[in-house]
Each structure stands twice: as structure tokens, then as C-alpha cells.
Amino acid sequence: MRLDVSGITKKYEIANVISSISFPKEIGTYKLTFDLIAEGVGEFPKNNNINSSYTITVIVGEKRHFYQEIQVLKPFKSGKVREIVKIPVIVKNISDFTWQNASAHPVNLAYHWLDANGKVIVFKGERTPLAKSVAVQSFQKFNATIKFPDQPGKYYLALTMVQEGVAWFSDQNTTFLKIPIEVVAQ
């Protein structure tokens, strides 16, 4: 983006310029650099003791909506203690932002284990990364990695998306898939 400094600025004179900046859509830390250019001549020397680089942190100014639809393609009702399984799922992005798979804050499929009374037993379940980013109103089919709890009993498996370092979708007033599962001894 180029801005014109109106008039002629004399040596040691200060000119104020107001700029509109379009910020990146993804959360993160970025470097914003301003360069002075004399059109047709070139850039000003970098040794002018003027700080023209600024580190900015982009946070989402408006509230994002963390909405999801998750479907298990082969329903199951039981598993063995500490067993690790792959289950086929389809996730649909009904949020208002693209789920990035390769960013500073990727979106992954995860889960919680709840006991029969709904108390959280395992909060941070195994993560299954998305193979590629998922645009709004798009879906992705893949195998989710699930590790069963350490003790036998009746549980609920709560499948949810998580944007790493930002939010668990299940904590954002969205619906999530909760499946009753019986965990049996080895």
C-alpha cells in the first residue's frame, strides 16, 4: 500500500500520515514494516535512526462462532481399557471462519471422556489433525484416534474440535457429539 505525503517536507520537518491497514485474518504475531520511498528515486537509507518496524499481535476483534457437526460413520458401544482405536468420522465446518490445519493455531479433532454422571475424567484427549484446511460449510472425512480410559466402566465420549491455543469448541456454547461407551477390562 502506498500513501502520499502531501506537499514538500523540508529537512528535519515532520509530516503526519494516516494509514488504513488490513490485518491478517488469522491470529498470530506479525511484523509490520513501513518504508519511506521517494518515487522515481528509491528507498530512503535504513540507517536513519527511525524505527520503521513494529511487532503486532493480531487477535480476533469480533467474536468467532465455533460451530461444528461431527458424525461417526461406524457407531460403536464399547472398547477395552487403554485401547487405542481409529474411528471413521465426518466433520463439517459450520463456523464463520476456515479451520486451518497448518497454522500457529490449527484446528484439530479431539475429545473428552466423561463418567456416567457427566464429570470430566479426561479433558485433553488425543488430537487428530485435519489433512487439509476446511472452509466454511465444507466437510472432511478421516479416521479419528481415540484412546480409551484407564479404568473399566460406563463413560461418554464427547467428540469436539479444538483450535489449539484459542478455544475448545465444546466450551463455546456449541453442540458436540456425546456417545455412551462401555469400557471393559483387557
C-alpha atoms as a PDB file:
ATOM      1  CA  MET A   1       0.000   0.000   0.000  1.00  0.00           C
ATOM      2  CA  ARG A   2       1.346   3.446  -0.846  1.00  0.00           C
ATOM      3  CA  LEU A   3       0.479   6.704   0.880  1.00  0.00           C
ATOM      4  CA  ASP A   4       1.286  10.127  -0.452  1.00  0.00           C
ATOM      5  CA  VAL A   5       2.806  12.743   1.830  1.00  0.00           C
ATOM      6  CA  SER A   6       1.159  15.935   0.653  1.00  0.00           C
ATOM      7  CA  GLY A   7       3.304  18.942  -0.073  1.00  0.00           C
ATOM      8  CA  ILE A   8       7.045  19.151   0.239  1.00  0.00           C
ATOM      9  CA  THR A   9       8.618  18.154   3.528  1.00  0.00           C
ATOM     10  CA  LYS A  10      11.793  20.066   4.319  1.00  0.00           C
ATOM     11  CA  LYS A  11      14.830  18.634   6.091  1.00  0.00           C
ATOM     12  CA  TYR A  12      14.105  17.942   9.813  1.00  0.00           C
ATOM     13  CA  GLU A  13      10.416  18.686   9.286  1.00  0.00           C
ATOM     14  CA  ILE A  14       7.797  16.189  10.460  1.00  0.00           C
ATOM     15  CA  ALA A  15       4.915  15.032   8.279  1.00  0.00           C
ATOM     16  CA  ASN A  16       1.993  13.098   9.704  1.00  0.00           C
ATOM     17  CA  VAL A  17       0.432  10.383   7.593  1.00  0.00           C
ATOM     18  CA  ILE A  18      -2.666   8.377   8.465  1.00  0.00           C
ATOM     19  CA  SER A  19      -2.922   4.877   7.071  1.00  0.00           C
ATOM     20  CA  SER A  20      -5.581   2.189   6.999  1.00  0.00           C
ATOM     21  CA  ILE A  21      -4.128  -1.271   7.449  1.00  0.00           C
ATOM     22  CA  SER A  22      -5.792  -4.568   6.599  1.00  0.00           C
ATOM     23  CA  PHE A  23      -4.874  -7.057   9.303  1.00  0.00           C
ATOM     24  CA  PRO A  24      -4.382 -10.768   8.642  1.00  0.00           C
ATOM     25  CA  LYS A  25      -7.430 -12.939   9.284  1.00  0.00           C
ATOM     26  CA  GLU A  26      -5.519 -15.492  11.364  1.00  0.00           C
ATOM     27  CA  ILE A  27      -4.500 -14.997  14.974  1.00  0.00           C
ATOM     28  CA  GLY A  28      -0.744 -14.642  15.398  1.00  0.00           C
ATOM     29  CA  THR A  29       2.226 -12.321  15.704  1.00  0.00           C
ATOM     30  CA  TYR A  30       3.314 -10.405  12.625  1.00  0.00           C
ATOM     31  CA  LYS A  31       5.942  -7.805  11.720  1.00  0.00           C
ATOM     32  CA  LEU A  32       4.621  -4.565  10.220  1.00  0.00           C
ATOM     33  CA  THR A  33       7.249  -2.512   8.394  1.00  0.00           C
ATOM     34  CA  PHE A  34       6.979   0.978   6.935  1.00  0.00           C
ATOM     35  CA  ASP A  35       9.415   2.116   4.245  1.00  0.00           C
ATOM     36  CA  LEU A  36       9.892   5.662   3.005  1.00  0.00           C
ATOM     37  CA  ILE A  37      10.231   5.857  -0.754  1.00  0.00           C
ATOM     38  CA  ALA A  38      10.916   8.841  -2.985  1.00  0.00           C
ATOM     39  CA  GLU A  39       9.022   7.966  -6.174  1.00  0.00           C
ATOM     40  CA  GLY A  40      11.363   7.595  -9.104  1.00  0.00           C
ATOM     41  CA  VAL A  41      14.416   7.779  -6.805  1.00  0.00           C
ATOM     42  CA  GLY A  42      14.280   4.804  -4.439  1.00  0.00           C
ATOM     43  CA  GLU A  43      14.048   3.918  -0.767  1.00  0.00           C
ATOM     44  CA  PHE A  44      15.491   6.096   1.947  1.00  0.00           C
ATOM     45  CA  PRO A  45      18.613   4.726   3.673  1.00  0.00           C
ATOM     46  CA  LYS A  46      17.940   2.269   6.502  1.00  0.00           C
ATOM     47  CA  ASN A  47      20.469   3.949   8.838  1.00  0.00           C
ATOM     48  CA  ASN A  48      18.258   6.964   9.511  1.00  0.00           C
ATOM     49  CA  ASN A  49      17.645   6.026  13.181  1.00  0.00           C
ATOM     50  CA  ILE A  50      13.901   5.829  12.553  1.00  0.00           C
ATOM     51  CA  ASN A  51      12.130   2.740  13.839  1.00  0.00           C
ATOM     52  CA  SER A  52      10.000   1.612  10.916  1.00  0.00           C
ATOM     53  CA  SER A  53       9.289  -1.972  12.038  1.00  0.00           C
ATOM     54  CA  TYR A  54       6.682  -2.875  14.593  1.00  0.00           C
ATOM     55  CA  THR A  55       5.681  -6.226  16.001  1.00  0.00           C
ATOM     56  CA  ILE A  56       1.928  -6.530  16.237  1.00  0.00           C
ATOM     57  CA  THR A  57      -0.226  -9.259  17.702  1.00  0.00           C
ATOM     58  CA  VAL A  58      -3.429  -9.939  15.837  1.00  0.00           C
ATOM     59  CA  ILE A  59      -6.362 -11.081  17.908  1.00  0.00           C
ATOM     60  CA  VAL A  60      -9.815 -11.558  16.540  1.00  0.00           C
ATOM     61  CA  GLY A  61     -11.740  -8.367  17.213  1.00  0.00           C
ATOM     62  CA  GLU A  62     -15.156  -9.813  16.659  1.00  0.00           C
ATOM     63  CA  LYS A  63     -16.341 -12.927  18.395  1.00  0.00           C
ATOM     64  CA  ARG A  64     -15.867 -16.038  16.321  1.00  0.00           C
ATOM     65  CA  HIS A  65     -18.550 -18.686  16.279  1.00  0.00           C
ATOM     66  CA  PHE A  66     -17.086 -22.116  16.962  1.00  0.00           C
ATOM     67  CA  TYR A  67     -19.727 -24.347  15.372  1.00  0.00           C
ATOM     68  CA  GLN A  68     -19.247 -27.933  14.270  1.00  0.00           C
ATOM     69  CA  GLU A  69     -21.066 -31.022  13.096  1.00  0.00           C
ATOM     70  CA  ILE A  70     -19.417 -34.359  13.827  1.00  0.00           C
ATOM     71  CA  GLN A  71     -20.690 -37.734  12.689  1.00  0.00           C
ATOM     72  CA  VAL A  72     -19.246 -41.185  13.494  1.00  0.00           C
ATOM     73  CA  LEU A  73     -19.553 -43.373  10.403  1.00  0.00           C
ATOM     74  CA  LYS A  74     -19.250 -46.737  12.203  1.00  0.00           C
ATOM     75  CA  PRO A  75     -21.013 -46.424  15.565  1.00  0.00           C
ATOM     76  CA  PHE A  76     -19.543 -48.419  18.428  1.00  0.00           C
ATOM     77  CA  LYS A  77     -20.633 -49.019  22.014  1.00  0.00           C
ATOM     78  CA  SER A  78     -17.591 -50.446  23.773  1.00  0.00           C
ATOM     79  CA  GLY A  79     -13.824 -50.670  23.933  1.00  0.00           C
ATOM     80  CA  LYS A  80     -11.033 -52.042  26.120  1.00  0.00           C
ATOM     81  CA  VAL A  81      -9.113 -50.204  28.845  1.00  0.00           C
ATOM     82  CA  ARG A  82      -6.265 -48.099  27.356  1.00  0.00           C
ATOM     83  CA  GLU A  83      -7.044 -49.402  23.854  1.00  0.00           C
ATOM     84  CA  ILE A  84      -6.238 -47.028  21.000  1.00  0.00           C
ATOM     85  CA  VAL A  85      -8.605 -47.187  18.047  1.00  0.00           C
ATOM     86  CA  LYS A  86      -9.237 -45.336  14.792  1.00  0.00           C
ATOM     87  CA  ILE A  87     -12.853 -44.449  14.094  1.00  0.00           C
ATOM     88  CA  PRO A  88     -14.117 -43.056  10.789  1.00  0.00           C
ATOM     89  CA  VAL A  89     -15.739 -39.632  11.178  1.00  0.00           C
ATOM     90  CA  ILE A  90     -17.007 -36.736   9.105  1.00  0.00           C
ATOM     91  CA  VAL A  91     -16.566 -33.213  10.469  1.00  0.00           C
ATOM     92  CA  LYS A  92     -18.405 -30.253   8.948  1.00  0.00           C
ATOM     93  CA  ASN A  93     -17.325 -26.657   9.465  1.00  0.00           C
ATOM     94  CA  ILE A  94     -20.408 -24.597  10.291  1.00  0.00           C
ATOM     95  CA  SER A  95     -18.297 -21.905  11.976  1.00  0.00           C
ATOM     96  CA  ASP A  96     -17.765 -18.452  10.478  1.00  0.00           C
ATOM     97  CA  PHE A  97     -14.050 -18.998   9.760  1.00  0.00           C
ATOM     98  CA  THR A  98     -11.886 -21.513   7.891  1.00  0.00           C
ATOM     99  CA  TRP A  99     -10.433 -24.279  10.037  1.00  0.00           C
ATOM    100  CA  GLN A 100      -6.704 -24.064   9.295  1.00  0.00           C
ATOM    101  CA  ASN A 101      -4.741 -27.300   9.561  1.00  0.00           C
ATOM    102  CA  ALA A 102      -1.248 -25.807   9.338  1.00  0.00           C
ATOM    103  CA  SER A 103      -1.014 -22.557  11.261  1.00  0.00           C
ATOM    104  CA  ALA A 104       0.158 -21.302  14.641  1.00  0.00           C
ATOM    105  CA  HIS A 105      -3.323 -22.228  15.955  1.00  0.00           C
ATOM    106  CA  PRO A 106      -4.526 -25.239  13.940  1.00  0.00           C
ATOM    107  CA  VAL A 107      -7.954 -26.803  14.354  1.00  0.00           C
ATOM    108  CA  ASN A 108      -7.889 -30.496  15.330  1.00  0.00           C
ATOM    109  CA  LEU A 109     -10.433 -33.114  16.305  1.00  0.00           C
ATOM    110  CA  ALA A 110     -10.139 -34.059  19.984  1.00  0.00           C
ATOM    111  CA  TYR A 111     -12.378 -35.417  22.722  1.00  0.00           C
ATOM    112  CA  HIS A 112     -13.214 -35.542  26.403  1.00  0.00           C
ATOM    113  CA  TRP A 113     -14.105 -38.628  28.424  1.00  0.00           C
ATOM    114  CA  LEU A 114     -16.955 -38.117  30.896  1.00  0.00           C
ATOM    115  CA  ASP A 115     -18.074 -40.560  33.566  1.00  0.00           C
ATOM    116  CA  ALA A 116     -21.670 -41.844  33.772  1.00  0.00           C
ATOM    117  CA  ASN A 117     -22.632 -38.721  35.792  1.00  0.00           C
ATOM    118  CA  GLY A 118     -21.148 -36.322  33.243  1.00  0.00           C
ATOM    119  CA  LYS A 119     -17.999 -35.473  35.249  1.00  0.00           C
ATOM    120  CA  VAL A 120     -14.894 -34.947  33.084  1.00  0.00           C
ATOM    121  CA  ILE A 121     -12.403 -37.807  33.541  1.00  0.00           C
ATOM    122  CA  VAL A 122     -10.077 -36.955  30.623  1.00  0.00           C
ATOM    123  CA  PHE A 123     -10.245 -33.393  29.329  1.00  0.00           C
ATOM    124  CA  LYS A 124      -7.469 -33.312  26.720  1.00  0.00           C
ATOM    125  CA  GLY A 125      -7.976 -36.371  24.555  1.00  0.00           C
ATOM    126  CA  GLU A 126      -5.693 -37.386  21.710  1.00  0.00           C
ATOM    127  CA  ARG A 127      -5.611 -34.945  18.796  1.00  0.00           C
ATOM    128  CA  THR A 128      -6.333 -35.940  15.227  1.00  0.00           C
ATOM    129  CA  PRO A 129      -5.099 -33.296  12.789  1.00  0.00           C
ATOM    130  CA  LEU A 130      -7.068 -32.306   9.716  1.00  0.00           C
ATOM    131  CA  ALA A 131      -5.494 -33.458   6.430  1.00  0.00           C
ATOM    132  CA  LYS A 132      -6.159 -30.019   4.924  1.00  0.00           C
ATOM    133  CA  SER A 133      -7.907 -26.801   5.908  1.00  0.00           C
ATOM    134  CA  VAL A 134     -11.714 -26.912   5.965  1.00  0.00           C
ATOM    135  CA  ALA A 135     -13.593 -23.940   4.501  1.00  0.00           C
ATOM    136  CA  VAL A 136     -16.900 -22.736   5.950  1.00  0.00           C
ATOM    137  CA  GLN A 137     -19.757 -25.137   5.052  1.00  0.00           C
ATOM    138  CA  SER A 138     -17.257 -27.774   3.895  1.00  0.00           C
ATOM    139  CA  PHE A 139     -16.522 -31.151   5.420  1.00  0.00           C
ATOM    140  CA  GLN A 140     -13.688 -33.635   5.783  1.00  0.00           C
ATOM    141  CA  LYS A 141     -13.765 -37.405   6.280  1.00  0.00           C
ATOM    142  CA  PHE A 142     -10.945 -39.127   8.196  1.00  0.00           C
ATOM    143  CA  ASN A 143     -10.090 -41.622  10.947  1.00  0.00           C
ATOM    144  CA  ALA A 144     -10.016 -40.154  14.453  1.00  0.00           C
ATOM    145  CA  THR A 145      -7.591 -41.529  17.043  1.00  0.00           C
ATOM    146  CA  ILE A 146      -9.292 -42.423  20.343  1.00  0.00           C
ATOM    147  CA  LYS A 147      -7.628 -43.783  23.488  1.00  0.00           C
ATOM    148  CA  PHE A 148      -9.968 -45.443  25.981  1.00  0.00           C
ATOM    149  CA  PRO A 149      -9.788 -44.579  29.721  1.00  0.00           C
ATOM    150  CA  ASP A 150      -7.567 -46.423  32.223  1.00  0.00           C
ATOM    151  CA  GLN A 151     -10.449 -47.910  34.232  1.00  0.00           C
ATOM    152  CA  PRO A 152     -13.408 -50.060  33.149  1.00  0.00           C
ATOM    153  CA  GLY A 153     -16.863 -48.515  33.457  1.00  0.00           C
ATOM    154  CA  LYS A 154     -19.614 -46.596  31.687  1.00  0.00           C
ATOM    155  CA  TYR A 155     -18.484 -43.376  30.020  1.00  0.00           C
ATOM    156  CA  TYR A 156     -19.439 -40.785  27.472  1.00  0.00           C
ATOM    157  CA  LEU A 157     -17.064 -39.970  24.633  1.00  0.00           C
ATOM    158  CA  ALA A 158     -17.514 -36.273  23.785  1.00  0.00           C
ATOM    159  CA  LEU A 159     -16.048 -35.526  20.348  1.00  0.00           C
ATOM    160  CA  THR A 160     -15.215 -31.880  19.673  1.00  0.00           C
ATOM    161  CA  MET A 161     -12.990 -29.695  17.557  1.00  0.00           C
ATOM    162  CA  VAL A 162     -10.316 -27.566  19.243  1.00  0.00           C
ATOM    163  CA  GLN A 163      -8.460 -24.556  17.874  1.00  0.00           C
ATOM    164  CA  GLU A 164      -5.128 -25.008  19.614  1.00  0.00           C
ATOM    165  CA  GLY A 165      -4.254 -22.178  21.981  1.00  0.00           C
ATOM    166  CA  VAL A 166      -7.605 -20.473  21.306  1.00  0.00           C
ATOM    167  CA  ALA A 167     -10.684 -22.496  22.276  1.00  0.00           C
ATOM    168  CA  TRP A 168     -12.314 -25.877  22.642  1.00  0.00           C
ATOM    169  CA  PHE A 169     -15.467 -25.802  20.532  1.00  0.00           C
ATOM    170  CA  SER A 170     -17.297 -27.709  23.298  1.00  0.00           C
ATOM    171  CA  ASP A 171     -16.659 -24.734  25.641  1.00  0.00           C
ATOM    172  CA  GLN A 172     -18.147 -22.231  23.182  1.00  0.00           C
ATOM    173  CA  ASN A 173     -21.887 -22.961  23.514  1.00  0.00           C
ATOM    174  CA  THR A 174     -21.929 -25.273  20.532  1.00  0.00           C
ATOM    175  CA  THR A 175     -23.328 -28.761  20.202  1.00  0.00           C
ATOM    176  CA  PHE A 176     -20.911 -31.667  20.288  1.00  0.00           C
ATOM    177  CA  LEU A 177     -21.260 -35.392  19.787  1.00  0.00           C
ATOM    178  CA  LYS A 178     -21.613 -37.342  23.069  1.00  0.00           C
ATOM    179  CA  ILE A 179     -21.586 -41.149  22.705  1.00  0.00           C
ATOM    180  CA  PRO A 180     -22.289 -43.632  25.551  1.00  0.00           C
ATOM    181  CA  ILE A 181     -19.443 -46.179  25.713  1.00  0.00           C
ATOM    182  CA  GLU A 182     -18.733 -49.103  27.997  1.00  0.00           C
ATOM    183  CA  VAL A 183     -15.043 -49.626  28.714  1.00  0.00           C
ATOM    184  CA  VAL A 184     -14.167 -53.208  29.617  1.00  0.00           C
ATOM    185  CA  ALA A 185     -11.022 -54.803  31.126  1.00  0.00           C
ATOM    186  CA  GLN A 186      -8.366 -56.183  28.755  1.00  0.00           C
END
